[in-house]
Amino acid sequence: MKISELKQKLNPDFYNIVSKEFKELRPSQEKAVKKGLLEGKNLLICTPTASGKTFIAELAALSRIYNNTGKAIYIVPLKALANEKYKEFKKKYKDVKIGLSIGDFDSSDSYLEKYDFIITTSEKLDSLIRHRSSWLQHTATIIIDEIHLLNDYGRGPTLEITITILRKLLKKAQFIGLSATIGNPEELAKWLEAELIIDEWRPVELKKGIYFNGEIEF
């Protein structure tokens, strides 16, 4: 699917940005669009690393932001990854108010009210919810990166509770789960009430082999 086929569905300013970077959607991105990505459907994306999961999230979040129909929250597992995404999105979407919230857990970070795209960790978002941050009610898109960490012994419970609370608070919000490795995708998609997108395409072919005695046998 060509990016030009989305021109009528995207805000003109948003389309001008993405059409300069992409000319054609990758397989998982096309599947997501056809499954209702731009119509607000919940989606669980299970595809290999570097297959284009982040852009699926961007399409969902930025479509609503550019149309002034709601904020977006991007949940990542690590502060380092939050900083990386923050710098990446700030550089790419210069006219979007992008905020970063990864600090003091005993703060409501009221300054986030003025931001449209908020990048945070599950632990910090849990704190923001408990502080009853008023801006949360204006959120239209929730992106959960590395959603397979729901199964993590240490961090999984916080992420699960956070998603559960958000689904109760934001009944009309769109939830997008992203992961390269999920053992039970069908079960997780059912829990999230999401359309499941599975695709094996990757930009570089993955080969498996054994190295022995100076040689690799694939």
N, C-alpha and C. Protein backbone atom coordinates (compact mmCIF):
# COMPACT_ATOMS: atom_id res chain seq x y z
N MET A 1 0.85 -1.20 0.00
CA MET A 1 0.00 0.00 0.00
C MET A 1 0.88 1.25 0.00
N LYS A 2 0.60 2.17 -0.93
CA LYS A 2 1.34 3.42 -1.02
C LYS A 2 0.87 4.39 0.06
N ILE A 3 1.80 5.19 0.58
CA ILE A 3 1.44 6.22 1.55
C ILE A 3 0.41 7.17 0.96
N SER A 4 0.50 7.41 -0.33
CA SER A 4 -0.43 8.33 -1.00
C SER A 4 -1.88 7.88 -0.87
N GLU A 5 -2.11 6.59 -0.64
CA GLU A 5 -3.47 6.08 -0.47
C GLU A 5 -4.10 6.53 0.85
N LEU A 6 -3.26 7.03 1.77
CA LEU A 6 -3.76 7.49 3.07
C LEU A 6 -3.99 9.01 3.09
N LYS A 7 -3.71 9.65 1.99
CA LYS A 7 -3.76 11.12 1.97
C LYS A 7 -5.11 11.66 2.41
N GLN A 8 -6.19 11.04 1.99
CA GLN A 8 -7.52 11.53 2.34
C GLN A 8 -7.89 11.22 3.78
N LYS A 9 -7.15 10.30 4.43
CA LYS A 9 -7.48 9.91 5.81
C LYS A 9 -6.66 10.66 6.85
N LEU A 10 -5.57 11.30 6.42
CA LEU A 10 -4.67 11.96 7.35
C LEU A 10 -4.78 13.47 7.26
N ASN A 11 -4.52 14.13 8.39
CA ASN A 11 -4.45 15.58 8.42
C ASN A 11 -3.36 16.03 7.44
N PRO A 12 -3.59 17.07 6.65
CA PRO A 12 -2.61 17.50 5.64
C PRO A 12 -1.22 17.76 6.20
N ASP A 13 -1.12 18.39 7.36
CA ASP A 13 0.20 18.69 7.95
C ASP A 13 0.92 17.40 8.33
N PHE A 14 0.17 16.45 8.89
CA PHE A 14 0.75 15.16 9.27
C PHE A 14 1.17 14.39 8.02
N TYR A 15 0.32 14.39 7.02
CA TYR A 15 0.62 13.68 5.77
C TYR A 15 1.89 14.23 5.11
N ASN A 16 2.07 15.53 5.13
CA ASN A 16 3.25 16.15 4.51
C ASN A 16 4.53 15.66 5.17
N ILE A 17 4.48 15.42 6.48
CA ILE A 17 5.66 14.95 7.21
C ILE A 17 5.97 13.50 6.87
N VAL A 18 4.98 12.63 6.99
CA VAL A 18 5.24 11.20 6.80
C VAL A 18 5.48 10.84 5.34
N SER A 19 4.87 11.57 4.42
CA SER A 19 5.05 11.25 3.00
C SER A 19 6.47 11.58 2.51
N LYS A 20 7.19 12.43 3.26
CA LYS A 20 8.57 12.73 2.91
C LYS A 20 9.50 11.61 3.35
N GLU A 21 9.11 10.89 4.39
CA GLU A 21 9.95 9.82 4.93
C GLU A 21 9.60 8.45 4.37
N PHE A 22 8.31 8.24 4.10
CA PHE A 22 7.86 6.93 3.62
C PHE A 22 7.10 7.07 2.31
N LYS A 23 7.28 6.12 1.43
CA LYS A 23 6.54 6.09 0.17
C LYS A 23 5.59 4.91 0.14
N GLU A 24 5.91 3.88 0.92
CA GLU A 24 5.10 2.67 0.91
C GLU A 24 5.06 2.06 2.30
N LEU A 25 3.90 1.56 2.68
CA LEU A 25 3.74 0.93 3.98
C LEU A 25 4.36 -0.46 3.98
N ARG A 26 4.93 -0.85 5.12
CA ARG A 26 5.43 -2.21 5.29
C ARG A 26 4.24 -3.13 5.55
N PRO A 27 4.43 -4.45 5.38
CA PRO A 27 3.30 -5.39 5.51
C PRO A 27 2.48 -5.24 6.78
N SER A 28 3.12 -5.14 7.94
CA SER A 28 2.38 -5.02 9.20
C SER A 28 1.63 -3.70 9.28
N GLN A 29 2.21 -2.66 8.72
CA GLN A 29 1.56 -1.34 8.72
C GLN A 29 0.30 -1.35 7.85
N GLU A 30 0.39 -2.00 6.70
CA GLU A 30 -0.78 -2.12 5.83
C GLU A 30 -1.87 -2.93 6.50
N LYS A 31 -1.50 -4.03 7.15
CA LYS A 31 -2.47 -4.86 7.86
C LYS A 31 -3.18 -4.05 8.95
N ALA A 32 -2.39 -3.24 9.67
CA ALA A 32 -2.95 -2.43 10.76
C ALA A 32 -3.97 -1.42 10.23
N VAL A 33 -3.63 -0.77 9.13
CA VAL A 33 -4.56 0.20 8.53
C VAL A 33 -5.86 -0.50 8.12
N LYS A 34 -5.73 -1.67 7.50
CA LYS A 34 -6.91 -2.40 7.04
C LYS A 34 -7.74 -2.95 8.21
N LYS A 35 -7.11 -3.11 9.38
CA LYS A 35 -7.82 -3.62 10.56
C LYS A 35 -8.45 -2.50 11.39
N GLY A 36 -8.33 -1.26 10.93
CA GLY A 36 -9.01 -0.16 11.62
C GLY A 36 -8.12 0.75 12.43
N LEU A 37 -6.82 0.78 12.14
CA LEU A 37 -5.90 1.64 12.87
C LEU A 37 -6.35 3.10 12.91
N LEU A 38 -6.76 3.62 11.77
CA LEU A 38 -7.14 5.03 11.68
C LEU A 38 -8.60 5.28 12.05
N GLU A 39 -9.31 4.21 12.39
CA GLU A 39 -10.71 4.35 12.84
C GLU A 39 -10.85 4.12 14.35
N GLY A 40 -9.71 4.04 15.05
CA GLY A 40 -9.74 3.94 16.50
C GLY A 40 -9.83 2.54 17.07
N LYS A 41 -9.59 1.51 16.27
CA LYS A 41 -9.65 0.14 16.76
C LYS A 41 -8.44 -0.18 17.64
N ASN A 42 -8.66 -0.96 18.69
CA ASN A 42 -7.55 -1.47 19.49
C ASN A 42 -6.78 -2.50 18.68
N LEU A 43 -5.45 -2.44 18.73
CA LEU A 43 -4.62 -3.37 17.95
C LEU A 43 -3.49 -3.92 18.80
N LEU A 44 -3.16 -5.18 18.59
CA LEU A 44 -1.97 -5.79 19.18
C LEU A 44 -1.06 -6.17 18.03
N ILE A 45 0.11 -5.55 17.97
CA ILE A 45 1.04 -5.73 16.87
C ILE A 45 2.19 -6.64 17.29
N CYS A 46 2.28 -7.81 16.65
CA CYS A 46 3.33 -8.78 16.96
C CYS A 46 4.18 -9.00 15.72
N THR A 47 5.26 -8.28 15.59
CA THR A 47 6.12 -8.39 14.42
C THR A 47 7.58 -8.28 14.84
N PRO A 48 8.53 -8.72 13.99
CA PRO A 48 9.95 -8.70 14.36
C PRO A 48 10.48 -7.29 14.59
N THR A 49 11.64 -7.22 15.23
CA THR A 49 12.33 -5.96 15.44
C THR A 49 12.63 -5.29 14.10
N ALA A 50 12.44 -3.97 14.05
CA ALA A 50 12.71 -3.15 12.86
C ALA A 50 11.71 -3.38 11.73
N SER A 51 10.56 -3.96 12.04
CA SER A 51 9.56 -4.20 11.00
C SER A 51 8.57 -3.05 10.83
N GLY A 52 8.68 -2.03 11.68
CA GLY A 52 7.82 -0.86 11.51
C GLY A 52 6.72 -0.69 12.53
N LYS A 53 6.87 -1.27 13.72
CA LYS A 53 5.83 -1.16 14.75
C LYS A 53 5.65 0.28 15.23
N THR A 54 6.75 0.99 15.40
CA THR A 54 6.67 2.35 15.94
C THR A 54 5.85 3.26 15.04
N PHE A 55 6.01 3.09 13.73
CA PHE A 55 5.26 3.97 12.81
C PHE A 55 3.76 3.68 12.88
N ILE A 56 3.40 2.44 13.17
CA ILE A 56 1.97 2.12 13.36
C ILE A 56 1.43 2.94 14.53
N ALA A 57 2.21 2.99 15.61
CA ALA A 57 1.82 3.78 16.77
C ALA A 57 1.73 5.26 16.43
N GLU A 58 2.69 5.74 15.65
CA GLU A 58 2.70 7.14 15.25
C GLU A 58 1.46 7.49 14.43
N LEU A 59 1.09 6.61 13.51
CA LEU A 59 -0.10 6.86 12.69
C LEU A 59 -1.34 7.02 13.56
N ALA A 60 -1.47 6.16 14.56
CA ALA A 60 -2.63 6.23 15.45
C ALA A 60 -2.62 7.50 16.28
N ALA A 61 -1.50 7.75 16.94
CA ALA A 61 -1.40 8.88 17.87
C ALA A 61 -1.44 10.24 17.17
N LEU A 62 -0.60 10.40 16.16
CA LEU A 62 -0.49 11.70 15.51
C LEU A 62 -1.71 12.06 14.68
N SER A 63 -2.44 11.06 14.18
CA SER A 63 -3.67 11.35 13.43
C SER A 63 -4.64 12.11 14.32
N ARG A 64 -4.78 11.68 15.56
CA ARG A 64 -5.69 12.34 16.48
C ARG A 64 -5.13 13.67 16.99
N ILE A 65 -3.84 13.70 17.23
CA ILE A 65 -3.23 14.94 17.72
C ILE A 65 -3.35 16.06 16.68
N TYR A 66 -3.05 15.76 15.44
CA TYR A 66 -3.13 16.79 14.39
C TYR A 66 -4.57 17.21 14.12
N ASN A 67 -5.52 16.34 14.44
CA ASN A 67 -6.94 16.70 14.27
C ASN A 67 -7.54 17.25 15.55
N ASN A 68 -6.69 17.46 16.57
CA ASN A 68 -7.13 18.03 17.86
C ASN A 68 -8.25 17.23 18.51
N THR A 69 -8.13 15.90 18.47
CA THR A 69 -9.17 15.06 19.07
C THR A 69 -8.69 14.28 20.28
N GLY A 70 -7.49 14.60 20.79
CA GLY A 70 -7.03 13.95 22.00
C GLY A 70 -5.52 13.76 22.08
N LYS A 71 -5.05 13.68 23.31
CA LYS A 71 -3.63 13.45 23.58
C LYS A 71 -3.25 12.00 23.32
N ALA A 72 -1.95 11.72 23.35
CA ALA A 72 -1.45 10.35 23.24
C ALA A 72 -0.43 10.11 24.34
N ILE A 73 -0.47 8.89 24.90
CA ILE A 73 0.52 8.48 25.89
C ILE A 73 1.31 7.30 25.32
N TYR A 74 2.62 7.40 25.34
CA TYR A 74 3.49 6.35 24.83
C TYR A 74 4.21 5.74 26.04
N ILE A 75 3.87 4.49 26.38
CA ILE A 75 4.44 3.82 27.55
C ILE A 75 5.61 2.94 27.14
N VAL A 76 6.75 3.18 27.76
CA VAL A 76 7.95 2.36 27.50
C VAL A 76 8.45 1.77 28.82
N PRO A 77 9.24 0.69 28.78
CA PRO A 77 9.67 0.05 30.02
C PRO A 77 10.85 0.71 30.72
N LEU A 78 11.66 1.47 29.99
CA LEU A 78 12.88 2.02 30.56
C LEU A 78 13.01 3.53 30.35
N LYS A 79 13.64 4.20 31.31
CA LYS A 79 13.85 5.65 31.19
C LYS A 79 14.73 5.97 29.98
N ALA A 80 15.72 5.13 29.74
CA ALA A 80 16.62 5.36 28.60
C ALA A 80 15.85 5.30 27.28
N LEU A 81 14.92 4.36 27.18
CA LEU A 81 14.12 4.24 25.97
C LEU A 81 13.16 5.43 25.85
N ALA A 82 12.65 5.90 26.98
CA ALA A 82 11.77 7.07 26.98
C ALA A 82 12.52 8.29 26.44
N ASN A 83 13.74 8.48 26.89
CA ASN A 83 14.56 9.60 26.41
C ASN A 83 14.84 9.48 24.92
N GLU A 84 15.09 8.25 24.47
CA GLU A 84 15.37 8.01 23.05
C GLU A 84 14.17 8.36 22.18
N LYS A 85 12.98 7.89 22.60
CA LYS A 85 11.76 8.17 21.85
C LYS A 85 11.44 9.67 21.88
N TYR A 86 11.68 10.28 23.01
CA TYR A 86 11.41 11.73 23.15
C TYR A 86 12.24 12.52 22.14
N LYS A 87 13.53 12.23 22.05
CA LYS A 87 14.41 12.94 21.12
C LYS A 87 14.01 12.65 19.68
N GLU A 88 13.65 11.39 19.41
CA GLU A 88 13.27 10.99 18.05
C GLU A 88 12.01 11.73 17.58
N PHE A 89 10.99 11.74 18.44
CA PHE A 89 9.72 12.38 18.06
C PHE A 89 9.84 13.91 18.03
N LYS A 90 10.63 14.49 18.93
CA LYS A 90 10.83 15.94 18.94
C LYS A 90 11.47 16.41 17.63
N LYS A 91 12.41 15.61 17.14
CA LYS A 91 13.09 15.96 15.90
C LYS A 91 12.18 15.81 14.69
N LYS A 92 11.33 14.79 14.74
CA LYS A 92 10.48 14.47 13.59
C LYS A 92 9.23 15.35 13.51
N TYR A 93 8.61 15.61 14.68
CA TYR A 93 7.36 16.37 14.71
C TYR A 93 7.58 17.68 15.47
N LYS A 94 8.21 18.62 14.80
CA LYS A 94 8.62 19.88 15.44
C LYS A 94 7.44 20.75 15.89
N ASP A 95 6.29 20.59 15.26
CA ASP A 95 5.13 21.42 15.62
C ASP A 95 4.18 20.75 16.60
N VAL A 96 4.58 19.59 17.14
CA VAL A 96 3.76 18.88 18.13
C VAL A 96 4.39 19.07 19.51
N LYS A 97 3.57 19.33 20.50
CA LYS A 97 4.05 19.52 21.87
C LYS A 97 4.27 18.15 22.51
N ILE A 98 5.53 17.76 22.60
CA ILE A 98 5.89 16.44 23.11
C ILE A 98 6.50 16.58 24.50
N GLY A 99 5.97 15.83 25.46
CA GLY A 99 6.43 15.90 26.84
C GLY A 99 7.04 14.59 27.30
N LEU A 100 7.91 14.68 28.29
CA LEU A 100 8.58 13.52 28.86
C LEU A 100 8.34 13.50 30.37
N SER A 101 7.87 12.36 30.88
CA SER A 101 7.59 12.26 32.31
C SER A 101 8.17 10.94 32.84
N ILE A 102 9.33 11.03 33.47
CA ILE A 102 10.00 9.81 33.97
C ILE A 102 10.61 10.03 35.36
N GLY A 103 10.34 11.19 35.96
CA GLY A 103 11.01 11.56 37.20
C GLY A 103 10.28 11.19 38.48
N ASP A 104 10.17 12.17 39.37
CA ASP A 104 9.63 12.01 40.71
C ASP A 104 8.27 11.32 40.72
N PHE A 105 8.19 10.17 41.40
CA PHE A 105 6.93 9.43 41.47
C PHE A 105 5.92 10.10 42.41
N ASP A 106 6.38 11.06 43.20
CA ASP A 106 5.49 11.73 44.14
C ASP A 106 5.06 13.08 43.60
N SER A 107 4.82 13.13 42.30
CA SER A 107 4.42 14.38 41.65
C SER A 107 3.37 14.10 40.59
N SER A 108 2.42 15.02 40.45
CA SER A 108 1.35 14.85 39.46
C SER A 108 1.76 15.38 38.09
N ASP A 109 2.93 16.06 38.04
CA ASP A 109 3.43 16.63 36.77
C ASP A 109 2.32 17.39 36.03
N SER A 110 1.74 18.36 36.70
CA SER A 110 0.62 19.12 36.12
C SER A 110 1.01 19.86 34.84
N TYR A 111 2.32 20.09 34.66
CA TYR A 111 2.79 20.77 33.45
C TYR A 111 2.45 20.01 32.18
N LEU A 112 2.17 18.69 32.33
CA LEU A 112 1.87 17.87 31.15
C LEU A 112 0.54 18.24 30.50
N GLU A 113 -0.25 19.03 31.18
CA GLU A 113 -1.53 19.49 30.63
C GLU A 113 -1.35 20.16 29.27
N LYS A 114 -0.21 20.84 29.10
CA LYS A 114 0.00 21.61 27.86
C LYS A 114 0.64 20.78 26.74
N TYR A 115 0.93 19.50 27.01
CA TYR A 115 1.55 18.65 25.99
C TYR A 115 0.54 17.72 25.34
N ASP A 116 0.81 17.39 24.07
CA ASP A 116 -0.10 16.53 23.30
C ASP A 116 0.36 15.06 23.26
N PHE A 117 1.66 14.87 23.23
CA PHE A 117 2.24 13.52 23.10
C PHE A 117 3.15 13.33 24.31
N ILE A 118 2.77 12.42 25.20
CA ILE A 118 3.48 12.26 26.46
C ILE A 118 4.15 10.89 26.53
N ILE A 119 5.46 10.88 26.72
CA ILE A 119 6.23 9.65 26.78
C ILE A 119 6.59 9.39 28.24
N THR A 120 6.32 8.18 28.72
CA THR A 120 6.52 7.87 30.12
C THR A 120 6.76 6.38 30.32
N THR A 121 7.09 6.01 31.55
CA THR A 121 7.22 4.60 31.91
C THR A 121 5.96 4.15 32.61
N SER A 122 5.75 2.84 32.71
CA SER A 122 4.54 2.34 33.36
C SER A 122 4.50 2.72 34.84
N GLU A 123 5.67 2.70 35.49
CA GLU A 123 5.72 3.07 36.91
C GLU A 123 5.35 4.53 37.12
N LYS A 124 5.85 5.42 36.27
CA LYS A 124 5.52 6.84 36.40
C LYS A 124 4.06 7.09 36.06
N LEU A 125 3.55 6.40 35.04
CA LEU A 125 2.15 6.58 34.67
C LEU A 125 1.23 6.09 35.79
N ASP A 126 1.62 5.01 36.44
CA ASP A 126 0.86 4.52 37.59
C ASP A 126 0.79 5.60 38.67
N SER A 127 1.90 6.31 38.88
CA SER A 127 1.93 7.40 39.86
C SER A 127 1.04 8.56 39.43
N LEU A 128 1.07 8.88 38.14
CA LEU A 128 0.24 9.98 37.63
C LEU A 128 -1.25 9.68 37.81
N ILE A 129 -1.61 8.42 37.58
CA ILE A 129 -3.01 8.01 37.76
C ILE A 129 -3.41 8.16 39.23
N ARG A 130 -2.53 7.72 40.13
CA ARG A 130 -2.82 7.80 41.56
C ARG A 130 -2.91 9.24 42.04
N HIS A 131 -2.22 10.15 41.37
CA HIS A 131 -2.28 11.57 41.71
C HIS A 131 -3.46 12.26 41.03
N ARG A 132 -4.26 11.47 40.33
CA ARG A 132 -5.47 11.98 39.66
C ARG A 132 -5.16 13.17 38.73
N SER A 133 -4.13 13.00 37.92
CA SER A 133 -3.76 14.06 36.97
C SER A 133 -4.93 14.36 36.03
N SER A 134 -5.38 15.59 36.04
CA SER A 134 -6.61 15.96 35.32
C SER A 134 -6.50 15.81 33.81
N TRP A 135 -5.28 15.96 33.27
CA TRP A 135 -5.11 15.91 31.82
C TRP A 135 -5.34 14.52 31.24
N LEU A 136 -5.31 13.49 32.09
CA LEU A 136 -5.49 12.12 31.61
C LEU A 136 -6.81 11.93 30.87
N GLN A 137 -7.84 12.64 31.32
CA GLN A 137 -9.16 12.47 30.71
C GLN A 137 -9.21 12.92 29.25
N HIS A 138 -8.19 13.66 28.82
CA HIS A 138 -8.16 14.15 27.43
C HIS A 138 -7.34 13.22 26.52
N THR A 139 -6.98 12.06 27.03
CA THR A 139 -6.16 11.13 26.25
C THR A 139 -7.01 10.28 25.31
N ALA A 140 -6.60 10.21 24.06
CA ALA A 140 -7.35 9.45 23.05
C ALA A 140 -6.61 8.21 22.58
N THR A 141 -5.28 8.18 22.78
CA THR A 141 -4.49 7.05 22.28
C THR A 141 -3.47 6.61 23.34
N ILE A 142 -3.46 5.31 23.62
CA ILE A 142 -2.51 4.73 24.56
C ILE A 142 -1.65 3.72 23.81
N ILE A 143 -0.33 3.92 23.81
CA ILE A 143 0.58 3.01 23.12
C ILE A 143 1.42 2.29 24.18
N ILE A 144 1.41 0.96 24.16
CA ILE A 144 2.18 0.19 25.12
C ILE A 144 3.30 -0.53 24.38
N ASP A 145 4.50 0.03 24.46
CA ASP A 145 5.66 -0.58 23.80
C ASP A 145 6.18 -1.73 24.68
N GLU A 146 6.65 -2.80 24.04
CA GLU A 146 7.15 -3.98 24.76
C GLU A 146 6.07 -4.54 25.69
N ILE A 147 4.86 -4.68 25.16
CA ILE A 147 3.73 -5.11 26.00
C ILE A 147 3.91 -6.52 26.55
N HIS A 148 4.82 -7.30 25.98
CA HIS A 148 5.07 -8.65 26.51
C HIS A 148 5.62 -8.62 27.93
N LEU A 149 6.07 -7.45 28.39
CA LEU A 149 6.57 -7.33 29.76
C LEU A 149 5.46 -7.47 30.80
N LEU A 150 4.23 -7.62 30.35
CA LEU A 150 3.15 -7.98 31.27
C LEU A 150 3.50 -9.28 31.99
N ASN A 151 4.33 -10.09 31.35
CA ASN A 151 4.70 -11.39 31.91
C ASN A 151 5.95 -11.31 32.79
N ASP A 152 6.51 -10.10 32.93
CA ASP A 152 7.72 -9.92 33.73
C ASP A 152 7.37 -9.99 35.22
N TYR A 153 8.14 -10.77 35.95
CA TYR A 153 7.86 -10.98 37.38
C TYR A 153 7.89 -9.68 38.18
N GLY A 154 8.84 -8.81 37.85
CA GLY A 154 8.99 -7.59 38.62
C GLY A 154 8.11 -6.44 38.17
N ARG A 155 8.05 -6.21 36.84
CA ARG A 155 7.39 -5.02 36.33
C ARG A 155 6.00 -5.29 35.75
N GLY A 156 5.71 -6.56 35.48
CA GLY A 156 4.45 -6.90 34.85
C GLY A 156 3.20 -6.47 35.60
N PRO A 157 3.13 -6.71 36.92
CA PRO A 157 1.91 -6.34 37.66
C PRO A 157 1.56 -4.85 37.56
N THR A 158 2.58 -3.98 37.65
CA THR A 158 2.33 -2.53 37.54
C THR A 158 1.78 -2.18 36.17
N LEU A 159 2.36 -2.76 35.13
CA LEU A 159 1.89 -2.49 33.77
C LEU A 159 0.47 -2.99 33.59
N GLU A 160 0.17 -4.19 34.08
CA GLU A 160 -1.18 -4.74 33.93
C GLU A 160 -2.21 -3.89 34.66
N ILE A 161 -1.91 -3.49 35.87
CA ILE A 161 -2.85 -2.66 36.64
C ILE A 161 -3.05 -1.31 35.96
N THR A 162 -1.96 -0.74 35.46
CA THR A 162 -2.04 0.56 34.79
C THR A 162 -2.94 0.49 33.55
N ILE A 163 -2.76 -0.54 32.72
CA ILE A 163 -3.59 -0.71 31.53
C ILE A 163 -5.05 -0.92 31.93
N THR A 164 -5.27 -1.74 32.94
CA THR A 164 -6.63 -2.03 33.39
C THR A 164 -7.35 -0.77 33.86
N ILE A 165 -6.66 0.05 34.64
CA ILE A 165 -7.26 1.28 35.14
C ILE A 165 -7.54 2.25 33.99
N LEU A 166 -6.59 2.37 33.07
CA LEU A 166 -6.77 3.28 31.93
C LEU A 166 -7.96 2.86 31.07
N ARG A 167 -8.16 1.56 30.92
CA ARG A 167 -9.29 1.07 30.11
C ARG A 167 -10.62 1.41 30.77
N LYS A 168 -10.61 1.47 32.09
CA LYS A 168 -11.83 1.84 32.81
C LYS A 168 -12.06 3.35 32.78
N LEU A 169 -10.96 4.12 32.88
CA LEU A 169 -11.06 5.57 32.89
C LEU A 169 -11.33 6.14 31.50
N LEU A 170 -10.72 5.53 30.49
CA LEU A 170 -10.77 6.06 29.12
C LEU A 170 -11.45 5.05 28.20
N LYS A 171 -12.74 4.94 28.33
CA LYS A 171 -13.49 3.91 27.61
C LYS A 171 -13.48 4.10 26.10
N LYS A 172 -13.25 5.32 25.63
CA LYS A 172 -13.26 5.58 24.20
C LYS A 172 -11.85 5.67 23.60
N ALA A 173 -10.84 5.49 24.43
CA ALA A 173 -9.45 5.59 23.93
C ALA A 173 -9.07 4.37 23.12
N GLN A 174 -8.12 4.58 22.22
CA GLN A 174 -7.58 3.50 21.40
C GLN A 174 -6.31 2.98 22.05
N PHE A 175 -6.20 1.64 22.19
CA PHE A 175 -5.02 1.02 22.79
C PHE A 175 -4.24 0.26 21.72
N ILE A 176 -2.95 0.55 21.64
CA ILE A 176 -2.07 -0.10 20.68
C ILE A 176 -0.94 -0.80 21.44
N GLY A 177 -0.88 -2.13 21.38
CA GLY A 177 0.19 -2.89 22.02
C GLY A 177 1.23 -3.29 20.99
N LEU A 178 2.50 -3.13 21.34
CA LEU A 178 3.60 -3.44 20.42
C LEU A 178 4.56 -4.45 21.05
N SER A 179 4.94 -5.46 20.28
CA SER A 179 5.91 -6.43 20.78
C SER A 179 6.48 -7.26 19.65
N ALA A 180 7.74 -7.68 19.84
CA ALA A 180 8.37 -8.60 18.88
C ALA A 180 8.27 -10.04 19.37
N THR A 181 7.98 -10.20 20.67
CA THR A 181 7.97 -11.56 21.23
C THR A 181 6.82 -11.73 22.22
N ILE A 182 5.77 -12.41 21.78
CA ILE A 182 4.65 -12.73 22.67
C ILE A 182 4.35 -14.21 22.51
N GLY A 183 4.31 -14.93 23.62
CA GLY A 183 4.05 -16.36 23.56
C GLY A 183 2.59 -16.71 23.40
N ASN A 184 1.71 -15.81 23.85
CA ASN A 184 0.27 -16.07 23.78
C ASN A 184 -0.47 -14.87 23.19
N PRO A 185 -0.19 -14.50 21.93
CA PRO A 185 -0.77 -13.30 21.34
C PRO A 185 -2.29 -13.31 21.28
N GLU A 186 -2.88 -14.47 20.98
CA GLU A 186 -4.35 -14.54 20.88
C GLU A 186 -5.00 -14.22 22.22
N GLU A 187 -4.44 -14.79 23.30
CA GLU A 187 -4.98 -14.56 24.64
C GLU A 187 -4.84 -13.09 25.04
N LEU A 188 -3.68 -12.51 24.74
CA LEU A 188 -3.44 -11.11 25.09
C LEU A 188 -4.34 -10.17 24.28
N ALA A 189 -4.53 -10.47 23.00
CA ALA A 189 -5.41 -9.65 22.17
C ALA A 189 -6.84 -9.69 22.69
N LYS A 190 -7.28 -10.85 23.14
CA LYS A 190 -8.63 -10.99 23.69
C LYS A 190 -8.78 -10.14 24.95
N TRP A 191 -7.76 -10.18 25.82
CA TRP A 191 -7.79 -9.39 27.05
C TRP A 191 -7.84 -7.90 26.75
N LEU A 192 -7.10 -7.49 25.73
CA LEU A 192 -7.03 -6.08 25.36
C LEU A 192 -8.21 -5.66 24.48
N GLU A 193 -9.02 -6.65 24.09
CA GLU A 193 -10.14 -6.41 23.15
C GLU A 193 -9.60 -5.73 21.90
N ALA A 194 -8.58 -6.36 21.34
CA ALA A 194 -7.87 -5.78 20.20
C ALA A 194 -7.81 -6.72 19.02
N GLU A 195 -7.69 -6.14 17.83
CA GLU A 195 -7.43 -6.90 16.62
C GLU A 195 -5.96 -7.33 16.65
N LEU A 196 -5.70 -8.57 16.30
CA LEU A 196 -4.33 -9.10 16.35
C LEU A 196 -3.67 -9.00 14.98
N ILE A 197 -2.49 -8.37 14.96
CA ILE A 197 -1.71 -8.26 13.72
C ILE A 197 -0.41 -9.05 13.91
N ILE A 198 -0.26 -10.12 13.17
CA ILE A 198 0.96 -10.93 13.21
C ILE A 198 1.60 -10.93 11.82
N ASP A 199 2.90 -10.65 11.77
CA ASP A 199 3.59 -10.65 10.48
C ASP A 199 5.06 -10.99 10.70
N GLU A 200 5.65 -11.76 9.81
CA GLU A 200 7.03 -12.21 9.97
C GLU A 200 8.02 -11.41 9.14
N TRP A 201 7.53 -10.42 8.36
CA TRP A 201 8.44 -9.65 7.50
C TRP A 201 9.44 -8.87 8.34
N ARG A 202 10.69 -8.86 7.86
CA ARG A 202 11.73 -8.05 8.50
C ARG A 202 12.61 -7.46 7.41
N PRO A 203 13.20 -6.27 7.63
CA PRO A 203 13.99 -5.61 6.58
C PRO A 203 15.23 -6.38 6.17
N VAL A 204 15.81 -7.13 7.12
CA VAL A 204 16.99 -7.94 6.83
C VAL A 204 16.66 -9.38 7.17
N GLU A 205 16.90 -10.29 6.22
CA GLU A 205 16.59 -11.69 6.45
C GLU A 205 17.36 -12.25 7.65
N LEU A 206 16.65 -12.97 8.49
CA LEU A 206 17.28 -13.59 9.66
C LEU A 206 17.69 -15.02 9.32
N LYS A 207 18.96 -15.30 9.49
CA LYS A 207 19.46 -16.65 9.24
C LYS A 207 20.00 -17.24 10.54
N LYS A 208 19.75 -18.52 10.74
CA LYS A 208 20.23 -19.19 11.95
C LYS A 208 21.28 -20.24 11.56
N GLY A 209 22.34 -20.26 12.33
CA GLY A 209 23.40 -21.21 12.02
C GLY A 209 24.22 -21.57 13.24
N ILE A 210 25.13 -22.48 13.07
CA ILE A 210 26.02 -22.93 14.14
C ILE A 210 27.47 -22.67 13.73
N TYR A 211 28.20 -21.99 14.59
CA TYR A 211 29.61 -21.73 14.33
C TYR A 211 30.44 -22.82 15.01
N PHE A 212 31.27 -23.50 14.23
CA PHE A 212 32.12 -24.56 14.79
C PHE A 212 33.38 -24.71 13.96
N ASN A 213 34.48 -24.67 14.64
CA ASN A 213 35.77 -24.94 13.99
C ASN A 213 36.03 -24.00 12.82
N GLY A 214 35.71 -22.73 13.02
CA GLY A 214 35.99 -21.72 12.00
C GLY A 214 34.97 -21.63 10.89
N GLU A 215 33.90 -22.40 10.95
CA GLU A 215 32.89 -22.35 9.89
C GLU A 215 31.50 -22.19 10.47
N ILE A 216 30.60 -21.58 9.67
CA ILE A 216 29.21 -21.43 10.07
C ILE A 216 28.34 -22.30 9.17
N GLU A 217 27.59 -23.17 9.75
CA GLU A 217 26.67 -24.01 8.98
C GLU A 217 25.24 -23.52 9.23
N PHE A 218 24.58 -23.03 8.16
CA PHE A 218 23.22 -22.50 8.28
C PHE A 218 22.19 -23.63 8.11
